[in-house]
């Protein structure tokens, strides 16, 4: 089922912070409901933070290998974690 959802499994998953977990959960639920990944502006509106804050979080999630993006392409965020590894969105 993971392969169908676009998730990949990872043997060593670094723990993520509460805030990072909320962003990951948002990406999951937004993608599921809207059938496309969120834009940074969608996250900015939901979390009520500045554009640089969202961008820094995306860079952090990508550096920690929680997500993958295609450079230069909007709405290209792909989760690299399975749903069961994500917290509930608060």
Protein backbone atom coordinates (compact mmCIF):
# COMPACT_ATOMS: atom_id res chain seq x y z
CA UNK A 1 0.00 0.00 0.00
CA UNK A 2 2.87 2.38 0.71
CA UNK A 3 4.08 2.21 -2.87
CA UNK A 4 0.63 3.16 -4.15
CA UNK A 5 0.50 6.20 -1.87
CA UNK A 6 3.91 7.41 -3.03
CA UNK A 7 5.59 6.80 0.31
CA UNK A 8 8.96 5.23 0.72
CA UNK A 9 10.04 3.46 3.85
CA UNK A 10 13.20 4.38 5.64
CA UNK A 11 15.13 2.12 7.96
CA UNK A 12 16.45 5.00 10.06
CA UNK A 13 13.90 7.73 10.61
CA UNK A 14 15.15 10.71 12.57
CA UNK A 15 12.67 11.95 15.13
CA UNK A 16 11.01 15.22 14.26
CA UNK A 17 9.94 18.07 16.50
CA UNK A 18 6.30 18.76 17.33
CA UNK A 19 6.24 21.70 14.94
CA UNK A 20 7.85 19.69 12.14
CA UNK A 21 5.31 16.93 12.75
CA UNK A 22 2.47 19.40 12.34
CA UNK A 23 3.85 20.59 9.00
CA UNK A 24 4.28 16.99 7.85
CA UNK A 25 0.72 16.14 8.92
CA UNK A 26 -0.58 19.24 7.13
CA UNK A 27 1.23 18.22 3.94
CA UNK A 28 -0.31 14.75 4.19
CA UNK A 29 -3.88 15.89 4.81
CA UNK A 30 -3.77 18.77 2.32
CA UNK A 31 -2.48 16.40 -0.37
CA UNK A 32 -5.14 13.83 0.45
CA UNK A 33 -8.05 16.31 0.41
CA UNK A 34 -6.91 18.44 -2.55
CA UNK A 35 -5.19 15.70 -4.56
CA UNK A 36 -2.11 17.89 -4.92
CA UNK A 37 0.62 19.00 -2.52
CA UNK A 38 0.29 22.33 -0.73
CA UNK A 39 2.06 25.46 -1.89
CA UNK A 40 4.12 27.35 0.65
CA UNK A 41 1.35 29.99 0.66
CA UNK A 42 -1.14 27.33 1.81
CA UNK A 43 1.08 26.49 4.77
CA UNK A 44 1.61 30.16 5.52
CA UNK A 45 -2.15 30.72 5.76
CA UNK A 46 -2.78 27.60 7.86
CA UNK A 47 0.02 28.15 10.37
CA UNK A 48 -0.25 31.96 10.26
CA UNK A 49 3.47 32.50 9.83
CA UNK A 50 5.62 34.55 7.48
CA UNK A 51 6.75 33.30 4.05
CA UNK A 52 10.40 33.02 5.19
CA UNK A 53 9.31 30.87 8.18
CA UNK A 54 7.48 28.43 5.93
CA UNK A 55 10.35 28.30 3.45
CA UNK A 56 12.87 27.62 6.22
CA UNK A 57 10.68 24.80 7.56
CA UNK A 58 10.46 23.26 4.08
CA UNK A 59 14.24 23.43 3.74
CA UNK A 60 14.62 21.82 7.18
CA UNK A 61 12.16 19.02 6.39
CA UNK A 62 13.95 18.38 3.12
CA UNK A 63 17.40 18.39 4.76
CA UNK A 64 16.15 15.84 7.31
CA UNK A 65 14.79 13.69 4.46
CA UNK A 66 11.18 13.88 5.63
CA UNK A 67 10.09 15.34 2.28
CA UNK A 68 11.38 15.57 -1.27
CA UNK A 69 10.86 18.42 -3.75
CA UNK A 70 11.56 19.09 -7.40
CA UNK A 71 13.65 22.28 -7.67
CA UNK A 72 11.94 25.08 -9.55
CA UNK A 73 8.58 23.32 -9.62
CA UNK A 74 5.70 24.53 -7.47
CA UNK A 75 3.59 22.10 -5.44
CA UNK A 76 6.17 19.36 -5.78
CA UNK A 77 6.45 18.35 -2.10
CA UNK A 78 6.35 14.59 -1.59
CA UNK A 79 6.32 12.99 1.85
CA UNK A 80 8.95 10.35 2.48
CA UNK A 81 7.20 9.06 5.60
CA UNK A 82 4.27 6.70 5.88
CA UNK A 83 1.01 7.98 7.37
CA UNK A 84 1.45 5.85 10.48
CA UNK A 85 4.72 7.69 11.21
CA UNK A 86 2.96 11.08 11.26
CA UNK A 87 1.18 12.73 14.17
CA UNK A 88 -2.42 13.90 13.96
CA UNK A 89 -2.92 17.45 12.75
CA UNK A 90 -3.92 19.71 15.63
